[in-house]
């Protein structure tokens, strides 16, 4: 039975490490996407300012461009936040399951 306990410990450690690596990768991906979104917004805002300066009579087009950019940014941020929240929930559930299973094996052997 000690062999089973040692095997369970190894499995739990591997699962926790793999899940941790996945979480780090997802967080890095989220940060990269956020940076890209911020850069795109800044570039679009700069283009919009130049467009406004050069075409004073096209205010309506400028407003549409700004609204579209804001909506896209909000949607991207909400999707990223939802994905990050889902990853956190999965990590917590997997970790709790692994630890409770480890506790069960140790208390029954």
C-alpha atoms as a PDB file:
ATOM      1  CA  UNK A   1       0.000   0.000   0.000  1.00  0.00           C
ATOM      2  CA  UNK A   2       2.924   2.324   0.546  1.00  0.00           C
ATOM      3  CA  UNK A   3       3.713   1.931  -3.140  1.00  0.00           C
ATOM      4  CA  UNK A   4       0.197   3.098  -4.020  1.00  0.00           C
ATOM      5  CA  UNK A   5       0.574   6.077  -1.692  1.00  0.00           C
ATOM      6  CA  UNK A   6       3.890   7.039  -3.291  1.00  0.00           C
ATOM      7  CA  UNK A   7       2.373   6.682  -6.761  1.00  0.00           C
ATOM      8  CA  UNK A   8      -0.552   8.888  -5.771  1.00  0.00           C
ATOM      9  CA  UNK A   9       1.856  11.526  -4.432  1.00  0.00           C
ATOM     10  CA  UNK A  10       3.778  11.494  -7.724  1.00  0.00           C
ATOM     11  CA  UNK A  11       0.553  11.740  -9.752  1.00  0.00           C
ATOM     12  CA  UNK A  12      -0.761  14.606  -7.616  1.00  0.00           C
ATOM     13  CA  UNK A  13       2.527  16.521  -7.860  1.00  0.00           C
ATOM     14  CA  UNK A  14       2.642  16.042 -11.647  1.00  0.00           C
ATOM     15  CA  UNK A  15      -0.984  17.178 -12.018  1.00  0.00           C
ATOM     16  CA  UNK A  16      -0.436  20.262  -9.857  1.00  0.00           C
ATOM     17  CA  UNK A  17       2.769  21.171 -11.732  1.00  0.00           C
ATOM     18  CA  UNK A  18       1.136  20.704 -15.147  1.00  0.00           C
ATOM     19  CA  UNK A  19      -1.878  22.762 -14.116  1.00  0.00           C
ATOM     20  CA  UNK A  20       0.448  25.429 -12.725  1.00  0.00           C
ATOM     21  CA  UNK A  21       2.369  25.586 -16.005  1.00  0.00           C
ATOM     22  CA  UNK A  22      -0.899  25.874 -17.935  1.00  0.00           C
ATOM     23  CA  UNK A  23      -2.002  28.723 -15.662  1.00  0.00           C
ATOM     24  CA  UNK A  24       1.297  30.562 -16.198  1.00  0.00           C
ATOM     25  CA  UNK A  25       1.026  30.124 -19.979  1.00  0.00           C
ATOM     26  CA  UNK A  26      -2.566  31.408 -19.957  1.00  0.00           C
ATOM     27  CA  UNK A  27      -1.655  34.410 -17.792  1.00  0.00           C
ATOM     28  CA  UNK A  28       1.267  35.282 -20.093  1.00  0.00           C
ATOM     29  CA  UNK A  29      -1.026  34.935 -23.124  1.00  0.00           C
ATOM     30  CA  UNK A  30      -3.593  37.212 -21.469  1.00  0.00           C
ATOM     31  CA  UNK A  31      -0.934  39.830 -20.735  1.00  0.00           C
ATOM     32  CA  UNK A  32       0.377  39.656 -24.317  1.00  0.00           C
ATOM     33  CA  UNK A  33      -3.129  40.049 -25.740  1.00  0.00           C
ATOM     34  CA  UNK A  34      -3.832  42.977 -23.402  1.00  0.00           C
ATOM     35  CA  UNK A  35      -0.623  44.701 -24.530  1.00  0.00           C
ATOM     36  CA  UNK A  36      -1.511  44.131 -28.187  1.00  0.00           C
ATOM     37  CA  UNK A  37      -5.012  45.531 -27.606  1.00  0.00           C
ATOM     38  CA  UNK A  38      -3.601  48.608 -25.867  1.00  0.00           C
ATOM     39  CA  UNK A  39      -1.118  49.190 -28.719  1.00  0.00           C
ATOM     40  CA  UNK A  40      -3.881  48.824 -31.315  1.00  0.00           C
ATOM     41  CA  UNK A  41      -6.107  51.248 -29.414  1.00  0.00           C
ATOM     42  CA  UNK A  42      -3.304  53.802 -29.149  1.00  0.00           C
ATOM     43  CA  UNK A  43      -2.504  53.499 -32.864  1.00  0.00           C
ATOM     44  CA  UNK A  44      -6.172  53.788 -33.839  1.00  0.00           C
ATOM     45  CA  UNK A  45      -6.596  56.763 -31.518  1.00  0.00           C
ATOM     46  CA  UNK A  46      -3.556  58.444 -33.074  1.00  0.00           C
ATOM     47  CA  UNK A  47      -4.895  57.794 -36.567  1.00  0.00           C
ATOM     48  CA  UNK A  48      -8.279  59.133 -35.478  1.00  0.00           C
ATOM     49  CA  UNK A  49      -6.686  62.319 -34.166  1.00  0.00           C
ATOM     50  CA  UNK A  50      -4.783  62.818 -37.424  1.00  0.00           C
ATOM     51  CA  UNK A  51      -7.949  62.022 -39.372  1.00  0.00           C
ATOM     52  CA  UNK A  52      -9.886  64.555 -37.329  1.00  0.00           C
ATOM     53  CA  UNK A  53      -7.271  67.219 -37.897  1.00  0.00           C
ATOM     54  CA  UNK A  54      -7.132  66.647 -41.655  1.00  0.00           C
ATOM     55  CA  UNK A  55     -10.873  66.121 -42.221  1.00  0.00           C
ATOM     56  CA  UNK A  56     -12.842  68.452 -39.966  1.00  0.00           C
ATOM     57  CA  UNK A  57     -16.044  67.846 -41.918  1.00  0.00           C
ATOM     58  CA  UNK A  58     -16.032  64.069 -41.278  1.00  0.00           C
ATOM     59  CA  UNK A  59     -16.766  64.070 -37.561  1.00  0.00           C
ATOM     60  CA  UNK A  60     -19.406  61.373 -38.004  1.00  0.00           C
ATOM     61  CA  UNK A  61     -16.888  58.918 -39.454  1.00  0.00           C
ATOM     62  CA  UNK A  62     -14.504  59.627 -36.583  1.00  0.00           C
ATOM     63  CA  UNK A  63     -17.242  58.938 -34.029  1.00  0.00           C
ATOM     64  CA  UNK A  64     -18.048  55.620 -35.721  1.00  0.00           C
ATOM     65  CA  UNK A  65     -14.374  54.619 -35.712  1.00  0.00           C
ATOM     66  CA  UNK A  66     -13.994  55.433 -32.009  1.00  0.00           C
ATOM     67  CA  UNK A  67     -17.210  53.561 -31.099  1.00  0.00           C
ATOM     68  CA  UNK A  68     -16.123  50.464 -33.031  1.00  0.00           C
ATOM     69  CA  UNK A  69     -12.681  50.502 -31.400  1.00  0.00           C
ATOM     70  CA  UNK A  70     -14.154  50.877 -27.908  1.00  0.00           C
ATOM     71  CA  UNK A  71     -16.665  48.053 -28.485  1.00  0.00           C
ATOM     72  CA  UNK A  72     -13.951  45.724 -29.810  1.00  0.00           C
ATOM     73  CA  UNK A  73     -11.666  46.481 -26.872  1.00  0.00           C
ATOM     74  CA  UNK A  74     -14.458  45.885 -24.339  1.00  0.00           C
ATOM     75  CA  UNK A  75     -15.438  42.580 -25.981  1.00  0.00           C
ATOM     76  CA  UNK A  76     -11.817  41.382 -26.093  1.00  0.00           C
ATOM     77  CA  UNK A  77     -11.223  42.309 -22.450  1.00  0.00           C
ATOM     78  CA  UNK A  78     -14.452  40.578 -21.334  1.00  0.00           C
ATOM     79  CA  UNK A  79     -13.600  37.408 -23.285  1.00  0.00           C
ATOM     80  CA  UNK A  80     -10.070  37.338 -21.861  1.00  0.00           C
ATOM     81  CA  UNK A  81     -11.365  37.905 -18.329  1.00  0.00           C
ATOM     82  CA  UNK A  82     -13.917  35.096 -18.742  1.00  0.00           C
ATOM     83  CA  UNK A  83     -11.244  32.723 -20.054  1.00  0.00           C
ATOM     84  CA  UNK A  84      -8.905  33.606 -17.190  1.00  0.00           C
ATOM     85  CA  UNK A  85     -11.700  33.067 -14.662  1.00  0.00           C
ATOM     86  CA  UNK A  86     -12.499  29.675 -16.206  1.00  0.00           C
ATOM     87  CA  UNK A  87      -8.845  28.654 -15.976  1.00  0.00           C
ATOM     88  CA  UNK A  88      -8.688  29.694 -12.325  1.00  0.00           C
ATOM     89  CA  UNK A  89     -11.841  27.678 -11.557  1.00  0.00           C
ATOM     90  CA  UNK A  90     -10.406  24.607 -13.287  1.00  0.00           C
ATOM     91  CA  UNK A  91      -7.120  24.958 -11.392  1.00  0.00           C
ATOM     92  CA  UNK A  92      -8.897  25.247  -8.049  1.00  0.00           C
ATOM     93  CA  UNK A  93     -11.158  22.260  -8.775  1.00  0.00           C
ATOM     94  CA  UNK A  94      -8.289  20.060  -9.988  1.00  0.00           C
ATOM     95  CA  UNK A  95      -6.071  21.020  -7.050  1.00  0.00           C
ATOM     96  CA  UNK A  96      -8.847  20.410  -4.509  1.00  0.00           C
ATOM     97  CA  UNK A  97      -9.681  17.055  -6.089  1.00  0.00           C
ATOM     98  CA  UNK A  98      -6.027  15.997  -6.130  1.00  0.00           C
ATOM     99  CA  UNK A  99      -5.460  17.026  -2.519  1.00  0.00           C
ATOM    100  CA  UNK A 100      -8.660  15.378  -1.277  1.00  0.00           C
ATOM    101  CA  UNK A 101      -7.776  12.179  -3.146  1.00  0.00           C
ATOM    102  CA  UNK A 102      -4.296  12.251  -1.616  1.00  0.00           C
ATOM    103  CA  UNK A 103      -5.799  12.761   1.837  1.00  0.00           C
ATOM    104  CA  UNK A 104      -8.230   9.870   1.230  1.00  0.00           C
ATOM    105  CA  UNK A 105      -5.421   7.524   0.182  1.00  0.00           C
ATOM    106  CA  UNK A 106      -3.292   8.413   3.189  1.00  0.00           C
ATOM    107  CA  UNK A 107      -6.122   8.066   5.687  1.00  0.00           C
ATOM    108  CA  UNK A 108      -7.298   4.697   4.315  1.00  0.00           C
ATOM    109  CA  UNK A 109      -3.873   3.031   4.048  1.00  0.00           C
END
